[in-house]
Amino acid sequence: MQLSKPLTKPSIKRWMKWAAAANVVAAACALYAADPAIISIASPNLFPESITSTADGAIIIGSYGTSSVWRIPPGENNAAKWIDASSAKGALLGVLADEKSGLLLVCQAGVKTFDLKTGAAKEVLTIPTANPFCNDLAVRDDGTLYVTDTTGAKIFMFPKGKTTPFETTAVEVASDPLLAGADGLAFLSDPDKLYVNTVTTSKILRLDLAKDGKVTKITELKQSRPLQGPDGMRPIDGKRLIIAEGNGRTAMGVPDGDSIAITTLKEGGMEGGTPAVTVTKGMGWTMEGKLRQRDAKNPDADKGPFRLFPVPLPQ
């Protein structure tokens, strides 16, 4: 661009302010255009309990209401039933995409495994206790799988297998009153520290792990604000957690020693609370569960739609 006359200092300052404002508007427009929309799933009785995702942006939903797994392909906003597990015993709860092993891990009494690309059934992993209540899952960097037993107040692990991704029978690694209601769990950058929340007592616990994977110490972290019914929990990165609160909030937790800073990321707009969160391609997602509104004997029970909300994450 050619100027007809030299710019004075005041005009340069005005031009710089205009350019800065234009950049802000352009950035805001770009961010708005790139921001994913709310995804609505019309399936009756879906009542999702857990979600997970893959690095390419696919989102996978575990349906408590139908004992099935649904999938939203990368870049799309339509969910379709992918895996039918209605013939198996036990409630379908936590789901976790383990891309390292190429498996989808599903809590259903024990752990069912499926091919992460095709959905084909693979191995069944057993929790050796009466009436196990596998609720959620996390995988350590060495390939060890950890699960919560919510009603048993226990943590189990499936060691890395010699010829398969996991040994087929779990080993109990922790049993403690602090684990009452143990639900969501996740690793951050330190593989020797496993973070667990408790849905019934609203605690966040840090479990110190030995080299063999067993728990050596359980520490309750002091929360900067109280969580309410924490449920699903996933790592955002190596330092931060995204946490679903059963009352309908979605929070971020940042552990620091024996404390954890809790920040609200989303509050309100989710009917019946949120049981599940995930992170993919730099965006958090939180799922409307409506689990409290599920009543098979009530013809007026809320049967959907069920919504999946994007949750922008602080940098």
C-alpha atoms as a PDB file:
ATOM      1  CA  MET A   1       0.000   0.000   0.000  1.00  0.00           C
ATOM      2  CA  GLN A   2       1.393   3.396  -1.009  1.00  0.00           C
ATOM      3  CA  LEU A   3       0.779   6.470   1.169  1.00  0.00           C
ATOM      4  CA  SER A   4       0.026   9.823  -0.444  1.00  0.00           C
ATOM      5  CA  LYS A   5       1.751  11.703   2.385  1.00  0.00           C
ATOM      6  CA  PRO A   6       4.018  10.815   5.303  1.00  0.00           C
ATOM      7  CA  LEU A   7       2.347   9.553   8.463  1.00  0.00           C
ATOM      8  CA  THR A   8       2.563  11.794  11.523  1.00  0.00           C
ATOM      9  CA  LYS A   9       3.107  10.319  15.004  1.00  0.00           C
ATOM     10  CA  PRO A  10      -0.608  10.700  15.981  1.00  0.00           C
ATOM     11  CA  SER A  11      -1.741   9.032  12.747  1.00  0.00           C
ATOM     12  CA  ILE A  12       0.769   6.205  13.262  1.00  0.00           C
ATOM     13  CA  LYS A  13      -0.609   5.631  16.755  1.00  0.00           C
ATOM     14  CA  ARG A  14      -4.207   5.608  15.420  1.00  0.00           C
ATOM     15  CA  TRP A  15      -3.230   3.182  12.658  1.00  0.00           C
ATOM     16  CA  MET A  16      -1.485   0.883  15.152  1.00  0.00           C
ATOM     17  CA  LYS A  17      -4.566   0.878  17.423  1.00  0.00           C
ATOM     18  CA  TRP A  18      -6.800   0.118  14.428  1.00  0.00           C
ATOM     19  CA  ALA A  19      -4.522  -2.718  13.299  1.00  0.00           C
ATOM     20  CA  ALA A  20      -4.400  -4.202  16.803  1.00  0.00           C
ATOM     21  CA  ALA A  21      -8.196  -4.038  17.083  1.00  0.00           C
ATOM     22  CA  ALA A  22      -8.569  -5.654  13.668  1.00  0.00           C
ATOM     23  CA  ASN A  23      -6.252  -8.475  14.692  1.00  0.00           C
ATOM     24  CA  VAL A  24      -8.288  -9.082  17.852  1.00  0.00           C
ATOM     25  CA  VAL A  25     -11.541  -9.206  15.882  1.00  0.00           C
ATOM     26  CA  ALA A  26     -10.018 -11.509  13.270  1.00  0.00           C
ATOM     27  CA  ALA A  27      -8.669 -13.823  15.962  1.00  0.00           C
ATOM     28  CA  ALA A  28     -12.033 -13.886  17.713  1.00  0.00           C
ATOM     29  CA  CYS A  29     -13.840 -14.670  14.460  1.00  0.00           C
ATOM     30  CA  ALA A  30     -11.381 -17.444  13.672  1.00  0.00           C
ATOM     31  CA  LEU A  31     -11.783 -18.904  17.150  1.00  0.00           C
ATOM     32  CA  TYR A  32     -15.588 -18.751  16.903  1.00  0.00           C
ATOM     33  CA  ALA A  33     -15.547 -20.399  13.481  1.00  0.00           C
ATOM     34  CA  ALA A  34     -13.283 -23.179  14.720  1.00  0.00           C
ATOM     35  CA  ASP A  35     -15.209 -23.746  17.958  1.00  0.00           C
ATOM     36  CA  PRO A  36     -17.053 -27.090  17.789  1.00  0.00           C
ATOM     37  CA  ALA A  37     -20.817 -27.099  18.175  1.00  0.00           C
ATOM     38  CA  ILE A  38     -22.873 -28.899  20.786  1.00  0.00           C
ATOM     39  CA  ILE A  39     -23.564 -32.441  19.591  1.00  0.00           C
ATOM     40  CA  SER A  40     -27.080 -33.755  20.192  1.00  0.00           C
ATOM     41  CA  ILE A  41     -27.776 -37.508  20.189  1.00  0.00           C
ATOM     42  CA  ALA A  42     -31.447 -38.339  19.739  1.00  0.00           C
ATOM     43  CA  SER A  43     -31.263 -42.019  20.703  1.00  0.00           C
ATOM     44  CA  PRO A  44     -33.877 -42.919  23.360  1.00  0.00           C
ATOM     45  CA  ASN A  45     -32.517 -44.336  26.617  1.00  0.00           C
ATOM     46  CA  LEU A  46     -28.867 -43.631  25.745  1.00  0.00           C
ATOM     47  CA  PHE A  47     -28.097 -42.390  29.281  1.00  0.00           C
ATOM     48  CA  PRO A  48     -24.326 -42.132  28.729  1.00  0.00           C
ATOM     49  CA  GLU A  49     -22.042 -42.905  31.673  1.00  0.00           C
ATOM     50  CA  SER A  50     -18.562 -42.482  30.207  1.00  0.00           C
ATOM     51  CA  ILE A  51     -16.792 -41.008  27.185  1.00  0.00           C
ATOM     52  CA  THR A  52     -13.323 -41.348  25.720  1.00  0.00           C
ATOM     53  CA  SER A  53     -11.582 -40.159  22.573  1.00  0.00           C
ATOM     54  CA  THR A  54      -8.714 -40.798  20.182  1.00  0.00           C
ATOM     55  CA  ALA A  55      -6.008 -38.439  19.000  1.00  0.00           C
ATOM     56  CA  ASP A  56      -7.673 -37.984  15.586  1.00  0.00           C
ATOM     57  CA  GLY A  57     -10.767 -36.432  17.209  1.00  0.00           C
ATOM     58  CA  ALA A  58     -13.129 -39.420  17.370  1.00  0.00           C
ATOM     59  CA  ILE A  59     -15.330 -39.539  20.478  1.00  0.00           C
ATOM     60  CA  ILE A  60     -16.581 -42.808  21.950  1.00  0.00           C
ATOM     61  CA  ILE A  61     -19.579 -42.992  24.292  1.00  0.00           C
ATOM     62  CA  GLY A  62     -20.456 -45.743  26.743  1.00  0.00           C
ATOM     63  CA  SER A  63     -24.241 -46.051  27.098  1.00  0.00           C
ATOM     64  CA  TYR A  64     -25.451 -47.186  30.507  1.00  0.00           C
ATOM     65  CA  GLY A  65     -29.048 -47.153  29.309  1.00  0.00           C
ATOM     66  CA  THR A  66     -28.597 -49.502  26.348  1.00  0.00           C
ATOM     67  CA  SER A  67     -25.403 -51.449  27.264  1.00  0.00           C
ATOM     68  CA  SER A  68     -23.838 -50.351  24.006  1.00  0.00           C
ATOM     69  CA  VAL A  69     -20.944 -48.226  22.762  1.00  0.00           C
ATOM     70  CA  TRP A  70     -21.491 -45.362  20.326  1.00  0.00           C
ATOM     71  CA  ARG A  71     -18.938 -43.550  18.186  1.00  0.00           C
ATOM     72  CA  ILE A  72     -18.686 -40.101  16.614  1.00  0.00           C
ATOM     73  CA  PRO A  73     -16.099 -40.156  13.767  1.00  0.00           C
ATOM     74  CA  PRO A  74     -13.455 -37.410  13.571  1.00  0.00           C
ATOM     75  CA  GLY A  75     -14.839 -34.087  12.337  1.00  0.00           C
ATOM     76  CA  GLU A  76     -18.466 -35.264  12.446  1.00  0.00           C
ATOM     77  CA  ASN A  77     -21.357 -34.547  14.796  1.00  0.00           C
ATOM     78  CA  ASN A  78     -23.461 -37.676  14.304  1.00  0.00           C
ATOM     79  CA  ALA A  79     -23.178 -40.613  16.695  1.00  0.00           C
ATOM     80  CA  ALA A  80     -23.938 -44.193  15.653  1.00  0.00           C
ATOM     81  CA  LYS A  81     -24.117 -47.389  17.654  1.00  0.00           C
ATOM     82  CA  TRP A  82     -20.810 -49.212  17.255  1.00  0.00           C
ATOM     83  CA  ILE A  83     -20.704 -52.095  19.756  1.00  0.00           C
ATOM     84  CA  ASP A  84     -23.673 -53.960  21.266  1.00  0.00           C
ATOM     85  CA  ALA A  85     -22.839 -55.412  24.683  1.00  0.00           C
ATOM     86  CA  SER A  86     -26.419 -55.944  25.864  1.00  0.00           C
ATOM     87  CA  SER A  87     -26.013 -59.719  26.076  1.00  0.00           C
ATOM     88  CA  ALA A  88     -23.178 -59.449  28.624  1.00  0.00           C
ATOM     89  CA  LYS A  89     -23.777 -59.311  32.371  1.00  0.00           C
ATOM     90  CA  GLY A  90     -23.185 -56.140  34.351  1.00  0.00           C
ATOM     91  CA  ALA A  91     -23.773 -52.436  33.792  1.00  0.00           C
ATOM     92  CA  LEU A  92     -21.716 -50.828  31.035  1.00  0.00           C
ATOM     93  CA  LEU A  93     -19.760 -48.036  32.706  1.00  0.00           C
ATOM     94  CA  GLY A  94     -16.265 -46.684  31.973  1.00  0.00           C
ATOM     95  CA  VAL A  95     -14.800 -46.671  28.472  1.00  0.00           C
ATOM     96  CA  LEU A  96     -11.178 -45.879  27.608  1.00  0.00           C
ATOM     97  CA  ALA A  97      -9.431 -45.753  24.244  1.00  0.00           C
ATOM     98  CA  ASP A  98      -5.915 -47.166  24.722  1.00  0.00           C
ATOM     99  CA  GLU A  99      -4.206 -46.288  21.447  1.00  0.00           C
ATOM    100  CA  LYS A 100      -0.914 -47.856  22.512  1.00  0.00           C
ATOM    101  CA  SER A 101      -2.489 -51.331  22.675  1.00  0.00           C
ATOM    102  CA  GLY A 102      -5.016 -50.595  19.924  1.00  0.00           C
ATOM    103  CA  LEU A 103      -7.887 -51.532  22.247  1.00  0.00           C
ATOM    104  CA  LEU A 104     -11.067 -50.008  23.545  1.00  0.00           C
ATOM    105  CA  LEU A 105     -11.359 -50.959  27.223  1.00  0.00           C
ATOM    106  CA  VAL A 106     -14.875 -51.206  28.662  1.00  0.00           C
ATOM    107  CA  CYS A 107     -15.940 -51.668  32.298  1.00  0.00           C
ATOM    108  CA  GLN A 108     -18.729 -54.241  32.464  1.00  0.00           C
ATOM    109  CA  ALA A 109     -18.374 -56.156  35.746  1.00  0.00           C
ATOM    110  CA  GLY A 110     -14.797 -56.952  34.705  1.00  0.00           C
ATOM    111  CA  VAL A 111     -13.153 -55.416  31.634  1.00  0.00           C
ATOM    112  CA  LYS A 112     -14.161 -56.209  28.051  1.00  0.00           C
ATOM    113  CA  THR A 113     -11.686 -55.354  25.293  1.00  0.00           C
ATOM    114  CA  PHE A 114     -12.462 -54.484  21.675  1.00  0.00           C
ATOM    115  CA  ASP A 115     -10.400 -53.623  18.619  1.00  0.00           C
ATOM    116  CA  LEU A 116     -10.158 -49.834  18.599  1.00  0.00           C
ATOM    117  CA  LYS A 117     -10.466 -49.643  14.798  1.00  0.00           C
ATOM    118  CA  THR A 118     -13.106 -52.267  14.024  1.00  0.00           C
ATOM    119  CA  GLY A 119     -14.965 -52.729  17.305  1.00  0.00           C
ATOM    120  CA  ALA A 120     -14.404 -56.497  17.152  1.00  0.00           C
ATOM    121  CA  ALA A 121     -14.527 -58.230  20.543  1.00  0.00           C
ATOM    122  CA  LYS A 122     -11.186 -59.344  21.963  1.00  0.00           C
ATOM    123  CA  GLU A 123     -10.355 -60.592  25.468  1.00  0.00           C
ATOM    124  CA  VAL A 124     -12.357 -60.546  28.683  1.00  0.00           C
ATOM    125  CA  LEU A 125     -10.365 -59.470  31.757  1.00  0.00           C
ATOM    126  CA  THR A 126     -11.532 -60.733  35.142  1.00  0.00           C
ATOM    127  CA  ILE A 127     -11.602 -58.938  38.489  1.00  0.00           C
ATOM    128  CA  PRO A 128     -11.288 -61.749  41.076  1.00  0.00           C
ATOM    129  CA  THR A 129     -13.833 -60.569  43.644  1.00  0.00           C
ATOM    130  CA  ALA A 130     -17.508 -61.159  44.291  1.00  0.00           C
ATOM    131  CA  ASN A 131     -19.737 -58.733  42.354  1.00  0.00           C
ATOM    132  CA  PRO A 132     -16.979 -56.450  41.023  1.00  0.00           C
ATOM    133  CA  PHE A 133     -18.091 -52.921  40.143  1.00  0.00           C
ATOM    134  CA  CYS A 134     -15.542 -51.772  37.586  1.00  0.00           C
ATOM    135  CA  ASN A 135     -16.302 -48.085  37.084  1.00  0.00           C
ATOM    136  CA  ASP A 136     -13.401 -46.483  35.213  1.00  0.00           C
ATOM    137  CA  LEU A 137      -9.934 -47.181  33.856  1.00  0.00           C
ATOM    138  CA  ALA A 138      -6.457 -45.687  33.332  1.00  0.00           C
ATOM    139  CA  VAL A 139      -3.288 -47.069  31.733  1.00  0.00           C
ATOM    140  CA  ARG A 140       0.198 -46.418  33.128  1.00  0.00           C
ATOM    141  CA  ASP A 141       3.029 -45.608  30.709  1.00  0.00           C
ATOM    142  CA  ASP A 142       4.407 -49.166  31.103  1.00  0.00           C
ATOM    143  CA  GLY A 143       1.119 -50.656  29.853  1.00  0.00           C
ATOM    144  CA  THR A 144      -0.360 -51.612  33.232  1.00  0.00           C
ATOM    145  CA  LEU A 145      -4.141 -51.176  33.383  1.00  0.00           C
ATOM    146  CA  TYR A 146      -5.769 -49.826  36.574  1.00  0.00           C
ATOM    147  CA  VAL A 147      -9.487 -49.938  37.396  1.00  0.00           C
ATOM    148  CA  THR A 148     -11.662 -48.701  40.254  1.00  0.00           C
ATOM    149  CA  ASP A 149     -14.028 -51.017  42.125  1.00  0.00           C
ATOM    150  CA  THR A 150     -16.514 -48.444  43.400  1.00  0.00           C
ATOM    151  CA  THR A 151     -18.592 -50.538  45.770  1.00  0.00           C
ATOM    152  CA  GLY A 152     -15.590 -52.511  46.995  1.00  0.00           C
ATOM    153  CA  ALA A 153     -13.494 -49.382  47.784  1.00  0.00           C
ATOM    154  CA  LYS A 154     -10.579 -51.004  45.952  1.00  0.00           C
ATOM    155  CA  ILE A 155      -8.149 -50.489  43.098  1.00  0.00           C
ATOM    156  CA  PHE A 156      -7.130 -53.377  40.854  1.00  0.00           C
ATOM    157  CA  MET A 157      -4.451 -53.614  38.202  1.00  0.00           C
ATOM    158  CA  PHE A 158      -3.988 -55.812  35.169  1.00  0.00           C
ATOM    159  CA  PRO A 159      -0.206 -56.139  34.609  1.00  0.00           C
ATOM    160  CA  LYS A 160       1.151 -55.913  31.101  1.00  0.00           C
ATOM    161  CA  GLY A 161       0.895 -59.339  29.482  1.00  0.00           C
ATOM    162  CA  LYS A 162       3.805 -61.303  28.066  1.00  0.00           C
ATOM    163  CA  THR A 163       1.999 -62.275  24.853  1.00  0.00           C
ATOM    164  CA  THR A 164      -1.102 -60.055  25.132  1.00  0.00           C
ATOM    165  CA  PRO A 165      -1.570 -56.394  26.064  1.00  0.00           C
ATOM    166  CA  PHE A 166      -2.786 -57.293  29.573  1.00  0.00           C
ATOM    167  CA  GLU A 167      -2.849 -60.254  31.908  1.00  0.00           C
ATOM    168  CA  THR A 168      -6.412 -61.568  31.998  1.00  0.00           C
ATOM    169  CA  THR A 169      -6.797 -61.626  35.799  1.00  0.00           C
ATOM    170  CA  ALA A 170      -6.484 -58.518  37.956  1.00  0.00           C
ATOM    171  CA  VAL A 171      -4.367 -58.058  41.070  1.00  0.00           C
ATOM    172  CA  GLU A 172      -5.714 -56.061  44.011  1.00  0.00           C
ATOM    173  CA  VAL A 173      -3.326 -53.181  44.740  1.00  0.00           C
ATOM    174  CA  ALA A 174      -5.287 -51.061  47.239  1.00  0.00           C
ATOM    175  CA  SER A 175      -8.181 -51.444  49.672  1.00  0.00           C
ATOM    176  CA  ASP A 176      -8.880 -48.573  52.052  1.00  0.00           C
ATOM    177  CA  PRO A 177     -11.845 -46.672  53.570  1.00  0.00           C
ATOM    178  CA  LEU A 178     -10.566 -43.566  51.748  1.00  0.00           C
ATOM    179  CA  LEU A 179     -11.403 -45.372  48.486  1.00  0.00           C
ATOM    180  CA  ALA A 180     -15.119 -45.624  49.301  1.00  0.00           C
ATOM    181  CA  GLY A 181     -16.928 -44.628  46.107  1.00  0.00           C
ATOM    182  CA  ALA A 182     -13.716 -44.689  44.018  1.00  0.00           C
ATOM    183  CA  ASP A 183     -14.669 -43.693  40.479  1.00  0.00           C
ATOM    184  CA  GLY A 184     -12.581 -41.690  38.009  1.00  0.00           C
ATOM    185  CA  LEU A 185      -8.820 -42.139  37.789  1.00  0.00           C
ATOM    186  CA  ALA A 186      -6.013 -40.739  35.680  1.00  0.00           C
ATOM    187  CA  PHE A 187      -2.246 -40.434  35.345  1.00  0.00           C
ATOM    188  CA  LEU A 188      -0.400 -37.172  34.738  1.00  0.00           C
ATOM    189  CA  SER A 189       3.294 -36.876  33.809  1.00  0.00           C
ATOM    190  CA  ASP A 190       4.542 -38.869  36.800  1.00  0.00           C
ATOM    191  CA  PRO A 191       3.775 -42.583  36.218  1.00  0.00           C
ATOM    192  CA  ASP A 192       4.302 -43.297  39.917  1.00  0.00           C
ATOM    193  CA  LYS A 193       1.300 -41.177  40.934  1.00  0.00           C
ATOM    194  CA  LEU A 194      -2.271 -42.239  40.164  1.00  0.00           C
ATOM    195  CA  TYR A 195      -5.069 -39.750  40.847  1.00  0.00           C
ATOM    196  CA  VAL A 196      -8.468 -41.120  41.921  1.00  0.00           C
ATOM    197  CA  ASN A 197     -11.720 -39.355  42.789  1.00  0.00           C
ATOM    198  CA  THR A 198     -14.593 -40.643  44.921  1.00  0.00           C
ATOM    199  CA  VAL A 199     -18.128 -40.048  43.681  1.00  0.00           C
ATOM    200  CA  THR A 200     -19.846 -40.605  47.039  1.00  0.00           C
ATOM    201  CA  THR A 201     -17.477 -38.647  49.298  1.00  0.00           C
ATOM    202  CA  SER A 202     -16.146 -36.078  46.764  1.00  0.00           C
ATOM    203  CA  LYS A 203     -12.453 -36.638  47.493  1.00  0.00           C
ATOM    204  CA  ILE A 204      -9.413 -36.414  45.237  1.00  0.00           C
ATOM    205  CA  LEU A 205      -6.742 -38.928  46.217  1.00  0.00           C
ATOM    206  CA  ARG A 206      -3.145 -39.376  45.108  1.00  0.00           C
ATOM    207  CA  LEU A 207      -1.958 -42.976  45.095  1.00  0.00           C
ATOM    208  CA  ASP A 208       1.814 -43.460  45.173  1.00  0.00           C
ATOM    209  CA  LEU A 209       2.853 -46.542  43.188  1.00  0.00           C
ATOM    210  CA  ALA A 210       5.857 -48.808  43.612  1.00  0.00           C
ATOM    211  CA  LYS A 211       7.811 -50.118  40.645  1.00  0.00           C
ATOM    212  CA  ASP A 212       5.726 -53.308  40.685  1.00  0.00           C
ATOM    213  CA  GLY A 213       2.570 -51.190  40.355  1.00  0.00           C
ATOM    214  CA  LYS A 214       1.198 -51.690  43.858  1.00  0.00           C
ATOM    215  CA  VAL A 215       0.013 -48.782  45.982  1.00  0.00           C
ATOM    216  CA  THR A 216       2.367 -47.732  48.793  1.00  0.00           C
ATOM    217  CA  LYS A 217       0.563 -44.634  50.072  1.00  0.00           C
ATOM    218  CA  ILE A 218      -2.815 -42.890  49.707  1.00  0.00           C
ATOM    219  CA  THR A 219      -3.020 -39.125  50.263  1.00  0.00           C
ATOM    220  CA  GLU A 220      -6.203 -37.059  50.277  1.00  0.00           C
ATOM    221  CA  LEU A 221      -5.550 -33.772  48.474  1.00  0.00           C
ATOM    222  CA  LYS A 222      -6.841 -30.509  49.933  1.00  0.00           C
ATOM    223  CA  GLN A 223      -9.228 -28.913  47.408  1.00  0.00           C
ATOM    224  CA  SER A 224      -9.271 -25.155  46.770  1.00  0.00           C
ATOM    225  CA  ARG A 225     -13.046 -25.489  46.413  1.00  0.00           C
ATOM    226  CA  PRO A 226     -15.155 -28.563  47.169  1.00  0.00           C
ATOM    227  CA  LEU A 227     -16.016 -30.872  44.295  1.00  0.00           C
ATOM    228  CA  GLN A 228     -19.556 -32.244  44.184  1.00  0.00           C
ATOM    229  CA  GLY A 229     -19.846 -35.888  43.181  1.00  0.00           C
ATOM    230  CA  PRO A 230     -16.761 -36.115  40.931  1.00  0.00           C
ATOM    231  CA  ASP A 231     -17.147 -38.850  38.324  1.00  0.00           C
ATOM    232  CA  GLY A 232     -15.231 -39.188  35.049  1.00  0.00           C
ATOM    233  CA  MET A 233     -11.693 -37.751  35.079  1.00  0.00           C
ATOM    234  CA  ARG A 234      -9.069 -37.492  32.311  1.00  0.00           C
ATOM    235  CA  PRO A 235      -5.684 -35.826  31.870  1.00  0.00           C
ATOM    236  CA  ILE A 236      -5.650 -32.566  29.935  1.00  0.00           C
ATOM    237  CA  ASP A 237      -1.870 -32.706  29.733  1.00  0.00           C
ATOM    238  CA  GLY A 238       0.912 -33.784  32.065  1.00  0.00           C
ATOM    239  CA  LYS A 239      -0.057 -31.309  34.792  1.00  0.00           C
ATOM    240  CA  ARG A 240      -3.841 -30.846  34.680  1.00  0.00           C
ATOM    241  CA  LEU A 241      -7.010 -32.923  35.028  1.00  0.00           C
ATOM    242  CA  ILE A 242     -10.492 -32.364  33.621  1.00  0.00           C
ATOM    243  CA  ILE A 243     -13.176 -33.573  36.032  1.00  0.00           C
ATOM    244  CA  ALA A 244     -16.915 -34.215  35.588  1.00  0.00           C
ATOM    245  CA  GLU A 245     -18.956 -33.216  38.617  1.00  0.00           C
ATOM    246  CA  GLY A 246     -22.249 -35.026  39.038  1.00  0.00           C
ATOM    247  CA  ASN A 247     -24.080 -31.787  39.855  1.00  0.00           C
ATOM    248  CA  GLY A 248     -23.547 -30.559  36.288  1.00  0.00           C
ATOM    249  CA  ARG A 249     -20.227 -28.729  36.513  1.00  0.00           C
ATOM    250  CA  THR A 250     -17.055 -29.484  34.613  1.00  0.00           C
ATOM    251  CA  ALA A 251     -13.864 -28.568  36.458  1.00  0.00           C
ATOM    252  CA  MET A 252     -10.103 -28.454  36.009  1.00  0.00           C
ATOM    253  CA  GLY A 253      -7.835 -29.757  38.758  1.00  0.00           C
ATOM    254  CA  VAL A 254      -4.149 -28.868  39.080  1.00  0.00           C
ATOM    255  CA  PRO A 255      -2.339 -30.914  41.763  1.00  0.00           C
ATOM    256  CA  ASP A 256       0.427 -29.190  43.699  1.00  0.00           C
ATOM    257  CA  GLY A 257       1.962 -31.270  46.450  1.00  0.00           C
ATOM    258  CA  ASP A 258      -0.803 -32.354  48.819  1.00  0.00           C
ATOM    259  CA  SER A 259      -3.255 -29.761  47.446  1.00  0.00           C
ATOM    260  CA  ILE A 260      -5.244 -29.424  44.237  1.00  0.00           C
ATOM    261  CA  ALA A 261      -6.496 -26.163  42.703  1.00  0.00           C
ATOM    262  CA  ILE A 262     -10.035 -26.568  41.345  1.00  0.00           C
ATOM    263  CA  THR A 263     -11.290 -24.212  38.615  1.00  0.00           C
ATOM    264  CA  THR A 264     -14.789 -24.353  37.118  1.00  0.00           C
ATOM    265  CA  LEU A 265     -14.703 -24.650  33.304  1.00  0.00           C
ATOM    266  CA  LYS A 266     -18.430 -25.058  32.634  1.00  0.00           C
ATOM    267  CA  GLU A 267     -21.458 -24.713  34.870  1.00  0.00           C
ATOM    268  CA  GLY A 268     -25.140 -25.074  34.059  1.00  0.00           C
ATOM    269  CA  GLY A 269     -27.016 -26.105  30.925  1.00  0.00           C
ATOM    270  CA  MET A 270     -26.556 -29.850  31.431  1.00  0.00           C
ATOM    271  CA  GLU A 271     -29.722 -31.636  32.482  1.00  0.00           C
ATOM    272  CA  GLY A 272     -29.250 -34.325  35.092  1.00  0.00           C
ATOM    273  CA  GLY A 273     -25.558 -33.589  35.605  1.00  0.00           C
ATOM    274  CA  THR A 274     -22.484 -34.802  33.786  1.00  0.00           C
ATOM    275  CA  PRO A 275     -20.801 -38.168  34.455  1.00  0.00           C
ATOM    276  CA  ALA A 276     -18.089 -37.990  31.810  1.00  0.00           C
ATOM    277  CA  VAL A 277     -15.349 -35.900  30.214  1.00  0.00           C
ATOM    278  CA  THR A 278     -12.616 -36.337  27.636  1.00  0.00           C
ATOM    279  CA  VAL A 279      -9.993 -34.274  25.790  1.00  0.00           C
ATOM    280  CA  THR A 280      -9.052 -34.526  22.126  1.00  0.00           C
ATOM    281  CA  LYS A 281      -7.342 -32.162  19.685  1.00  0.00           C
ATOM    282  CA  GLY A 282      -6.979 -29.512  22.392  1.00  0.00           C
ATOM    283  CA  MET A 283     -10.708 -29.372  23.236  1.00  0.00           C
ATOM    284  CA  GLY A 284     -12.436 -30.688  26.333  1.00  0.00           C
ATOM    285  CA  TRP A 285     -15.822 -32.395  26.047  1.00  0.00           C
ATOM    286  CA  THR A 286     -18.432 -33.023  28.732  1.00  0.00           C
ATOM    287  CA  MET A 287     -21.460 -35.320  28.426  1.00  0.00           C
ATOM    288  CA  GLU A 288     -25.004 -34.753  29.627  1.00  0.00           C
ATOM    289  CA  GLY A 289     -25.933 -37.959  31.445  1.00  0.00           C
ATOM    290  CA  LYS A 290     -29.448 -37.479  32.870  1.00  0.00           C
ATOM    291  CA  LEU A 291     -28.759 -40.591  34.952  1.00  0.00           C
ATOM    292  CA  ARG A 292     -30.871 -39.264  37.820  1.00  0.00           C
ATOM    293  CA  GLN A 293     -33.793 -38.918  35.425  1.00  0.00           C
ATOM    294  CA  ARG A 294     -33.661 -42.541  34.290  1.00  0.00           C
ATOM    295  CA  ASP A 295     -36.611 -44.623  35.468  1.00  0.00           C
ATOM    296  CA  ALA A 296     -37.553 -47.592  33.310  1.00  0.00           C
ATOM    297  CA  LYS A 297     -40.955 -47.880  35.054  1.00  0.00           C
ATOM    298  CA  ASN A 298     -41.862 -44.242  34.444  1.00  0.00           C
ATOM    299  CA  PRO A 299     -43.281 -43.624  30.942  1.00  0.00           C
ATOM    300  CA  ASP A 300     -42.561 -39.909  31.365  1.00  0.00           C
ATOM    301  CA  ALA A 301     -38.867 -40.398  32.194  1.00  0.00           C
ATOM    302  CA  ASP A 302     -36.538 -38.216  30.156  1.00  0.00           C
ATOM    303  CA  LYS A 303     -35.293 -40.327  27.238  1.00  0.00           C
ATOM    304  CA  GLY A 304     -33.276 -37.732  25.411  1.00  0.00           C
ATOM    305  CA  PRO A 305     -31.848 -36.188  23.416  1.00  0.00           C
ATOM    306  CA  PHE A 306     -28.481 -36.338  25.146  1.00  0.00           C
ATOM    307  CA  ARG A 307     -25.960 -33.587  24.499  1.00  0.00           C
ATOM    308  CA  LEU A 308     -22.183 -33.465  24.282  1.00  0.00           C
ATOM    309  CA  PHE A 309     -20.747 -30.020  25.050  1.00  0.00           C
ATOM    310  CA  PRO A 310     -17.363 -28.616  23.945  1.00  0.00           C
ATOM    311  CA  VAL A 311     -15.367 -27.144  26.835  1.00  0.00           C
ATOM    312  CA  PRO A 312     -12.521 -24.764  25.834  1.00  0.00           C
ATOM    313  CA  LEU A 313      -9.428 -25.361  27.941  1.00  0.00           C
ATOM    314  CA  PRO A 314      -7.240 -22.610  29.451  1.00  0.00           C
ATOM    315  CA  GLN A 315      -3.784 -22.354  27.953  1.00  0.00           C
END
